[in-house]
Amino acid sequence: MGDVTEKEMDNLTFKSDTVLSDVHLHCPNRSHLMVRLNAVGQPVFLSYFKLLWNTDDQASEKYARETTTERELQYRSGDELTNKDGNNLKYEKELNSEGIEALLDEDGDLEVVRRPQRASDSEAEDLMRDRVCPVILMKGKEDDFEDEEQECTCSNVVKIEHTMATPLEDVGKQVWRAAFLLADYILFKRDMFRSCTVLELGGGTGIASIIMGMIASRVYCTDVGEDLLAMCEQNIVLNKHLMEPEGGEIKVKELDWLKDEFCTDPEALYSWSEEEIADLHDHCTVIMAADVFYDDDLTDALFRTLYRITHNLKHSCTVFLAIEKRLNFTLRQMDVTCEAYSHFRSTLNDLENLHDGKMKYSVEPIKPDFCQFLIYERIEQLELWKIIADQLT
């Protein structure tokens, strides 16, 4: 990839296979600092995500109460909301109750509901999200970014290096909403995770592991691909200050769901030692994963990995899976479907109904109405699932 000019970075080009996380589209940051190009020539950005739980306790509690109350109202009367996304929530409820008919006009053609392109000043706040105009800063032109940095203290911000607008195979290099939902739950239930040994599957940029590392004793953050794992490791270094009070440790390791064994090759950069594998099997009581269910084959591979690891653990284990239910219109189905989500639910059901005399899995959803400690859109399609894995033999 050649030199990237500032003009090119201010006008992102999307190709047919480009995937862009909504977290980056509606990020609370005013700017994204481009810090480097990664090994495959993709621009890497640095973003700040402010924590709301340990800066001003009084303000944090007030925010938590407000968001919890608002979320309870959403569950009770979703079609009467008057917040910024009220129209969207009402439409989604109609879609759920009426099915595909809500999307078809009188001729049977697909009717796309769009937000108004123009709105008066009084209506704009209610009808439209903030306009997406990301400011891309190059190295050496960080003045605006430094102003933003000064608003955050070391103890209340998570710094994450990530890419934007990647091909599907590189989506792990972006930050996704389900990771924020999982991070919120970790902070909300932090006493539950204190002093635990935790394994994250498909850790990506590492944000969930970083939050867990503030509380747990040891976290194994795993994924595949040296470039992605190096980015994750860099993010852990950037956030060492968050782990220091509790002394948590985060280890970045390779874990390929398509392989039956841990990578123990001493020449591999993120391989496992025999001592680390033994530590995981002897002490791990929590496994987590966020927004990794977008490909049926990978979903199957993850559940096979989950079974294999939980079967080898010394203790019972609790698994937390965060997912965003994504609606897509497919020509094959000629319908609005959630195929990846449907496959996830089917596989989850198969796991719960497994009777092999070795393992028992109990599955239950966690209602996402707990306090919000990070700023993001907690939409209705975000779900969190809890699995209790017990060995029978």
Protein backbone atom coordinates (compact mmCIF):
# COMPACT_ATOMS: atom_id res chain seq x y z
CA MET A 1 0.00 0.00 0.00
CA GLY A 2 1.45 3.37 -0.95
CA ASP A 3 1.56 6.58 1.08
CA VAL A 4 -1.83 7.58 2.48
CA THR A 5 -2.55 11.27 2.08
CA GLU A 6 -4.65 13.26 4.52
CA LYS A 7 -7.23 13.93 1.79
CA GLU A 8 -7.57 10.20 1.08
CA MET A 9 -8.08 9.45 4.76
CA ASP A 10 -10.80 12.09 5.09
CA ASN A 11 -12.76 10.38 2.29
CA LEU A 12 -12.92 6.69 3.16
CA THR A 13 -13.59 4.40 0.21
CA PHE A 14 -15.89 1.42 0.80
CA LYS A 15 -15.52 -1.65 -1.39
CA SER A 16 -18.14 -4.36 -1.90
CA ASP A 17 -16.57 -6.56 0.80
CA THR A 18 -16.03 -3.75 3.30
CA VAL A 19 -17.38 -4.14 6.85
CA LEU A 20 -17.53 -1.14 9.21
CA SER A 21 -18.56 -1.34 12.84
CA ASP A 22 -21.27 1.03 14.07
CA VAL A 23 -19.05 1.72 17.07
CA HIS A 24 -16.69 3.62 14.78
CA LEU A 25 -19.51 5.32 12.86
CA HIS A 26 -21.17 6.64 16.02
CA CYS A 27 -18.09 6.81 18.21
CA PRO A 28 -18.23 9.49 20.91
CA ASN A 29 -14.78 10.65 19.86
CA ARG A 30 -14.48 13.83 17.85
CA SER A 31 -11.46 12.53 16.01
CA HIS A 32 -9.58 9.37 15.12
CA LEU A 33 -5.80 9.53 15.23
CA MET A 34 -4.12 7.41 12.58
CA VAL A 35 -1.00 6.06 14.24
CA ARG A 36 0.48 3.67 11.68
CA LEU A 37 -0.12 1.13 8.93
CA ASN A 38 -0.27 -2.49 10.03
CA ALA A 39 1.59 -5.40 8.44
CA VAL A 40 -1.00 -5.74 5.66
CA GLY A 41 -1.12 -2.02 4.86
CA GLN A 42 -4.35 -1.16 6.73
CA PRO A 43 -4.50 2.19 8.58
CA VAL A 44 -4.53 1.75 12.37
CA PHE A 45 -6.37 4.33 14.48
CA LEU A 46 -6.33 5.19 18.17
CA SER A 47 -9.64 5.86 19.91
CA TYR A 48 -10.52 6.69 23.51
CA PHE A 49 -13.47 5.08 25.25
CA LYS A 50 -14.39 6.81 28.49
CA LEU A 51 -15.30 4.78 31.57
CA LEU A 52 -18.11 6.16 33.70
CA TRP A 53 -17.69 4.14 36.88
CA ASN A 54 -14.53 5.27 38.65
CA THR A 55 -14.09 8.96 37.91
CA ASP A 56 -16.83 10.80 39.75
CA ASP A 57 -18.75 8.25 41.82
CA GLN A 58 -21.74 10.52 42.28
CA ALA A 59 -22.01 11.35 38.58
CA SER A 60 -21.45 7.69 37.64
CA GLU A 61 -24.22 6.52 39.95
CA LYS A 62 -26.56 9.19 38.54
CA TYR A 63 -25.77 8.11 34.96
CA ALA A 64 -26.20 4.45 35.87
CA ARG A 65 -29.59 5.13 37.46
CA GLU A 66 -30.76 7.15 34.47
CA THR A 67 -29.66 4.57 31.90
CA THR A 68 -31.14 1.71 33.92
CA THR A 69 -34.47 3.51 34.33
CA GLU A 70 -34.55 4.39 30.62
CA ARG A 71 -33.77 0.80 29.68
CA GLU A 72 -36.55 -0.53 31.90
CA LEU A 73 -38.95 1.86 30.17
CA GLN A 74 -37.80 0.53 26.81
CA TYR A 75 -38.68 -3.00 27.85
CA ARG A 76 -42.07 -1.97 29.24
CA SER A 77 -43.33 0.28 26.46
CA GLY A 78 -40.99 0.32 23.49
CA ASP A 79 -43.50 1.95 21.11
CA GLU A 80 -44.03 4.98 23.35
CA LEU A 81 -40.42 6.06 23.58
CA THR A 82 -39.52 9.63 22.73
CA ASN A 83 -35.75 9.37 22.75
CA LYS A 84 -33.55 9.90 19.70
CA ASP A 85 -34.14 6.43 18.34
CA GLY A 86 -37.84 6.24 19.22
CA ASN A 87 -38.94 5.99 15.60
CA ASN A 88 -36.46 3.19 14.95
CA LEU A 89 -37.51 1.20 18.01
CA LYS A 90 -41.18 1.50 17.07
CA TYR A 91 -40.41 0.36 13.54
CA GLU A 92 -38.39 -2.61 14.80
CA LYS A 93 -41.26 -3.62 17.07
CA GLU A 94 -43.65 -3.49 14.13
CA LEU A 95 -41.22 -5.61 12.12
CA ASN A 96 -41.08 -8.22 14.87
CA SER A 97 -44.87 -8.38 15.19
CA GLU A 98 -45.89 -8.13 11.56
CA GLY A 99 -42.95 -9.82 9.87
CA ILE A 100 -41.96 -9.13 6.31
CA GLU A 101 -45.27 -7.45 5.47
CA ALA A 102 -44.05 -4.34 7.27
CA LEU A 103 -41.31 -4.03 4.64
CA LEU A 104 -43.38 -4.51 1.49
CA ASP A 105 -45.41 -1.93 -0.38
CA GLU A 106 -48.79 -2.62 -2.01
CA ASP A 107 -47.07 -4.12 -5.08
CA GLY A 108 -45.00 -6.50 -2.98
CA ASP A 109 -41.73 -4.59 -3.53
CA LEU A 110 -39.26 -4.06 -0.70
CA GLU A 111 -39.88 -0.68 0.89
CA VAL A 112 -36.86 0.82 2.63
CA VAL A 113 -37.67 3.13 5.53
CA ARG A 114 -35.15 5.94 5.67
CA ARG A 115 -34.53 8.77 8.05
CA PRO A 116 -35.47 12.21 6.67
CA GLN A 117 -32.56 13.85 4.90
CA ARG A 118 -33.64 17.28 6.04
CA ALA A 119 -35.21 18.33 9.29
CA SER A 120 -35.87 21.59 11.03
CA ASP A 121 -33.63 22.56 13.92
CA SER A 122 -36.34 21.64 16.39
CA GLU A 123 -36.92 18.22 14.83
CA ALA A 124 -33.36 17.27 13.93
CA GLU A 125 -32.41 16.13 17.41
CA ASP A 126 -35.32 13.70 17.61
CA LEU A 127 -35.18 12.37 14.05
CA MET A 128 -31.50 12.04 13.21
CA ARG A 129 -28.32 10.73 14.70
CA ASP A 130 -25.21 12.84 14.71
CA ARG A 131 -23.87 13.30 11.20
CA VAL A 132 -21.00 10.93 10.50
CA CYS A 133 -18.01 13.13 9.74
CA PRO A 134 -14.98 11.41 11.29
CA VAL A 135 -11.90 13.59 11.49
CA ILE A 136 -8.83 11.59 10.50
CA LEU A 137 -5.59 12.92 11.94
CA MET A 138 -2.14 11.96 10.73
CA LYS A 139 0.93 11.49 12.89
CA GLY A 140 2.40 14.89 13.66
CA LYS A 141 -1.00 16.68 13.52
CA GLU A 142 -2.38 15.59 16.87
CA ASP A 143 -3.27 18.98 18.37
CA ASP A 144 -7.03 18.42 18.20
CA PHE A 145 -6.62 14.89 19.50
CA GLU A 146 -4.48 16.09 22.40
CA ASP A 147 -7.26 18.48 23.40
CA GLU A 148 -9.60 15.50 23.61
CA GLU A 149 -6.97 13.48 25.51
CA GLN A 150 -6.65 16.19 28.15
CA GLU A 151 -10.36 15.80 28.96
CA CYS A 152 -9.70 12.20 30.08
CA THR A 153 -7.58 11.06 32.99
CA CYS A 154 -5.52 7.88 32.97
CA SER A 155 -7.98 6.16 35.30
CA ASN A 156 -11.16 6.75 33.30
CA VAL A 157 -10.28 5.96 29.70
CA VAL A 158 -9.60 2.82 27.67
CA LYS A 159 -7.23 3.42 24.74
CA ILE A 160 -7.78 1.10 21.79
CA GLU A 161 -5.87 0.81 18.54
CA HIS A 162 -8.11 -0.57 15.79
CA THR A 163 -8.74 -0.51 12.07
CA MET A 164 -11.85 0.71 10.25
CA ALA A 165 -13.69 -0.59 7.17
CA THR A 166 -12.02 -3.99 6.89
CA PRO A 167 -12.76 -7.10 4.80
CA LEU A 168 -14.86 -9.71 6.60
CA GLU A 169 -11.83 -11.81 7.50
CA ASP A 170 -10.34 -8.87 9.44
CA VAL A 171 -13.41 -7.79 11.44
CA GLY A 172 -11.58 -8.76 14.63
CA LYS A 173 -9.45 -5.65 14.19
CA GLN A 174 -12.49 -3.42 14.80
CA VAL A 175 -14.45 -2.76 18.00
CA TRP A 176 -18.00 -4.11 18.11
CA ARG A 177 -21.03 -3.23 20.22
CA ALA A 178 -21.39 -6.67 21.81
CA ALA A 179 -17.92 -6.25 23.34
CA PHE A 180 -19.20 -3.12 25.09
CA LEU A 181 -22.25 -5.01 26.37
CA LEU A 182 -19.98 -7.72 27.78
CA ALA A 183 -17.67 -5.08 29.29
CA ASP A 184 -20.66 -3.40 30.94
CA TYR A 185 -21.72 -6.69 32.51
CA ILE A 186 -18.19 -7.33 33.78
CA LEU A 187 -18.12 -3.94 35.49
CA PHE A 188 -21.66 -4.35 36.81
CA LYS A 189 -20.86 -7.79 38.30
CA ARG A 190 -17.22 -7.13 39.12
CA ASP A 191 -17.38 -8.92 42.49
CA MET A 192 -18.32 -12.10 40.61
CA PHE A 193 -15.13 -11.98 38.52
CA ARG A 194 -12.68 -10.82 41.18
CA SER A 195 -9.57 -13.03 41.42
CA CYS A 196 -10.81 -15.38 38.65
CA THR A 197 -8.82 -16.95 35.84
CA VAL A 198 -10.60 -16.10 32.58
CA LEU A 199 -10.35 -17.23 28.95
CA GLU A 200 -11.61 -15.02 26.12
CA LEU A 201 -12.27 -16.63 22.75
CA GLY A 202 -11.95 -14.34 19.72
CA GLY A 203 -10.62 -11.42 21.77
CA GLY A 204 -10.01 -9.14 18.75
CA THR A 205 -8.72 -5.75 19.85
CA GLY A 206 -8.86 -6.94 23.46
CA ILE A 207 -11.29 -4.44 24.96
CA ALA A 208 -13.32 -7.05 26.89
CA SER A 209 -10.14 -8.69 28.21
CA ILE A 210 -8.78 -5.29 29.24
CA ILE A 211 -11.93 -4.55 31.24
CA MET A 212 -11.82 -8.05 32.74
CA GLY A 213 -8.12 -7.55 33.53
CA MET A 214 -9.05 -4.67 35.83
CA ILE A 215 -10.82 -7.17 38.08
CA ALA A 216 -9.73 -10.76 37.44
CA SER A 217 -6.45 -12.31 38.53
CA ARG A 218 -5.43 -13.60 35.09
CA VAL A 219 -6.96 -13.34 31.62
CA TYR A 220 -5.97 -15.37 28.58
CA CYS A 221 -7.01 -13.27 25.57
CA THR A 222 -6.98 -15.47 22.46
CA ASP A 223 -7.46 -15.11 18.72
CA VAL A 224 -5.64 -16.00 15.48
CA GLY A 225 -3.32 -14.03 13.20
CA GLU A 226 -0.06 -12.46 14.31
CA ASP A 227 -1.06 -8.98 13.12
CA LEU A 228 -4.30 -9.05 15.14
CA LEU A 229 -2.62 -10.55 18.21
CA ALA A 230 0.12 -7.90 18.02
CA MET A 231 -2.54 -5.16 17.95
CA CYS A 232 -4.26 -6.76 20.93
CA GLU A 233 -0.97 -6.93 22.82
CA GLN A 234 -0.30 -3.26 22.04
CA ASN A 235 -3.73 -2.32 23.44
CA ILE A 236 -2.94 -4.16 26.66
CA VAL A 237 0.30 -2.19 26.97
CA LEU A 238 -1.63 1.06 26.36
CA ASN A 239 -3.97 0.21 29.24
CA LYS A 240 -1.50 -1.17 31.79
CA HIS A 241 -2.46 1.70 34.09
CA LEU A 242 -5.96 0.23 34.44
CA MET A 243 -4.68 -3.14 35.63
CA GLU A 244 -2.15 -1.85 38.18
CA PRO A 245 -4.53 -1.25 41.14
CA GLU A 246 -5.71 -4.88 41.22
CA GLY A 247 -2.56 -6.41 39.76
CA GLY A 248 -4.38 -8.36 37.02
CA GLU A 249 -2.40 -10.07 34.27
CA ILE A 250 -3.44 -10.44 30.62
CA LYS A 251 -1.70 -12.95 28.37
CA VAL A 252 -2.23 -12.83 24.59
CA LYS A 253 -2.27 -16.29 23.06
CA GLU A 254 -3.11 -17.95 19.75
CA LEU A 255 -6.15 -20.22 19.81
CA ASP A 256 -7.46 -21.51 16.50
CA TRP A 257 -10.96 -23.01 16.80
CA LEU A 258 -10.35 -25.05 13.64
CA LYS A 259 -7.56 -26.99 15.38
CA ASP A 260 -7.99 -29.55 18.14
CA GLU A 261 -4.89 -28.63 20.12
CA PHE A 262 -3.27 -25.55 21.62
CA CYS A 263 -0.39 -24.06 19.65
CA THR A 264 2.77 -25.10 21.53
CA ASP A 265 5.30 -24.42 18.79
CA PRO A 266 8.13 -22.57 20.60
CA GLU A 267 8.90 -20.63 17.42
CA ALA A 268 5.35 -19.25 17.20
CA LEU A 269 5.14 -15.79 18.73
CA TYR A 270 1.92 -16.35 20.71
CA SER A 271 2.19 -20.04 21.49
CA TRP A 272 1.28 -21.68 24.80
CA SER A 273 3.73 -23.19 27.25
CA GLU A 274 2.85 -26.43 29.01
CA GLU A 275 2.67 -24.47 32.28
CA GLU A 276 0.13 -22.03 30.82
CA ILE A 277 -2.08 -24.84 29.50
CA ALA A 278 -1.96 -26.52 32.91
CA ASP A 279 -2.80 -23.22 34.62
CA LEU A 280 -5.80 -22.72 32.35
CA HIS A 281 -7.11 -26.23 32.97
CA ASP A 282 -6.54 -26.04 36.73
CA HIS A 283 -7.87 -22.56 37.48
CA CYS A 284 -10.14 -21.25 34.70
CA THR A 285 -13.73 -20.72 35.88
CA VAL A 286 -14.92 -18.11 33.32
CA ILE A 287 -14.94 -18.19 29.51
CA MET A 288 -16.25 -15.29 27.42
CA ALA A 289 -16.71 -14.28 23.79
CA ALA A 290 -18.27 -11.22 22.13
CA ASP A 291 -19.62 -10.76 18.60
CA VAL A 292 -17.89 -13.79 17.11
CA PHE A 293 -21.00 -15.42 15.62
CA TYR A 294 -21.12 -14.20 12.01
CA ASP A 295 -20.07 -17.34 10.09
CA ASP A 296 -21.76 -20.72 10.54
CA ASP A 297 -18.56 -22.76 10.18
CA LEU A 298 -16.76 -20.59 12.76
CA THR A 299 -19.74 -20.81 15.10
CA ASP A 300 -19.62 -24.61 14.90
CA ALA A 301 -15.86 -24.53 15.48
CA LEU A 302 -16.23 -22.24 18.50
CA PHE A 303 -18.77 -24.55 20.16
CA ARG A 304 -16.53 -27.55 19.53
CA THR A 305 -13.64 -25.64 21.13
CA LEU A 306 -15.89 -24.65 24.01
CA TYR A 307 -16.84 -28.27 24.62
CA ARG A 308 -13.25 -29.49 24.42
CA ILE A 309 -11.93 -26.88 26.85
CA THR A 310 -14.75 -27.11 29.41
CA HIS A 311 -14.43 -30.90 29.39
CA ASN A 312 -10.74 -30.58 30.35
CA LEU A 313 -11.21 -28.00 33.11
CA LYS A 314 -10.74 -29.00 36.72
CA HIS A 315 -13.66 -26.88 37.95
CA SER A 316 -17.14 -26.01 36.74
CA CYS A 317 -17.13 -23.05 34.39
CA THR A 318 -19.45 -20.18 33.52
CA VAL A 319 -19.51 -19.02 29.90
CA PHE A 320 -20.72 -15.59 28.78
CA LEU A 321 -21.55 -15.03 25.10
CA ALA A 322 -22.46 -11.57 23.78
CA ILE A 323 -24.01 -11.25 20.33
CA GLU A 324 -25.72 -8.66 18.14
CA LYS A 325 -28.72 -9.93 16.19
CA ARG A 326 -28.29 -8.49 12.69
CA LEU A 327 -31.23 -8.27 10.28
CA ASN A 328 -30.45 -8.83 6.61
CA PHE A 329 -32.60 -9.08 3.49
CA THR A 330 -31.41 -12.02 1.39
CA LEU A 331 -32.29 -12.76 -2.23
CA ARG A 332 -32.04 -16.46 -1.49
CA GLN A 333 -34.76 -16.28 1.16
CA MET A 334 -36.52 -13.21 -0.28
CA ASP A 335 -37.06 -12.27 3.32
CA VAL A 336 -35.54 -10.39 6.24
CA THR A 337 -33.56 -12.99 8.15
CA CYS A 338 -30.90 -13.32 10.84
CA GLU A 339 -29.17 -16.42 9.52
CA ALA A 340 -25.99 -16.17 11.60
CA TYR A 341 -28.03 -15.51 14.73
CA SER A 342 -30.44 -18.35 13.96
CA HIS A 343 -27.53 -20.75 13.56
CA PHE A 344 -26.06 -19.52 16.85
CA ARG A 345 -29.35 -20.16 18.67
CA SER A 346 -29.69 -23.58 17.08
CA THR A 347 -26.16 -24.56 18.11
CA LEU A 348 -26.71 -23.16 21.59
CA ASN A 349 -29.85 -25.29 21.89
CA ASP A 350 -27.93 -28.37 20.72
CA LEU A 351 -25.32 -27.73 23.41
CA GLU A 352 -27.96 -27.49 26.13
CA ASN A 353 -29.62 -30.71 24.92
CA LEU A 354 -26.34 -32.60 24.76
CA HIS A 355 -26.48 -35.92 26.65
CA ASP A 356 -23.12 -37.63 26.37
CA GLY A 357 -22.69 -38.62 30.01
CA LYS A 358 -19.66 -36.33 30.31
CA MET A 359 -20.90 -32.72 30.36
CA LYS A 360 -24.07 -30.86 31.26
CA TYR A 361 -24.72 -27.35 29.97
CA SER A 362 -27.40 -25.05 31.40
CA VAL A 363 -28.26 -22.04 29.22
CA GLU A 364 -30.09 -18.85 30.16
CA PRO A 365 -30.32 -15.33 28.71
CA ILE A 366 -29.21 -12.33 30.74
CA LYS A 367 -31.58 -9.40 30.41
CA PRO A 368 -29.45 -6.45 29.20
CA ASP A 369 -30.99 -3.87 31.51
CA PHE A 370 -27.98 -3.53 33.81
CA CYS A 371 -26.06 -0.29 34.25
CA GLN A 372 -24.13 1.14 31.32
CA PHE A 373 -20.54 2.11 32.06
CA LEU A 374 -19.35 2.85 28.50
CA ILE A 375 -20.89 5.23 25.98
CA TYR A 376 -22.38 3.37 23.01
CA GLU A 377 -25.75 2.50 21.49
CA ARG A 378 -27.20 -0.38 23.49
CA ILE A 379 -29.75 -1.42 20.89
CA GLU A 380 -32.49 -4.04 21.29
CA GLN A 381 -30.60 -6.53 19.13
CA LEU A 382 -27.78 -6.91 21.67
CA GLU A 383 -28.01 -10.11 23.71
CA LEU A 384 -25.98 -11.73 26.48
CA TRP A 385 -26.15 -15.46 27.23
CA LYS A 386 -24.91 -17.39 30.25
CA ILE A 387 -23.90 -21.07 30.12
CA ILE A 388 -23.07 -23.15 33.19
CA ALA A 389 -20.75 -26.02 32.22
CA ASP A 390 -20.61 -28.91 34.69
CA GLN A 391 -18.66 -32.13 34.35
CA LEU A 392 -20.62 -35.31 35.05
CA THR A 393 -17.59 -37.57 35.28
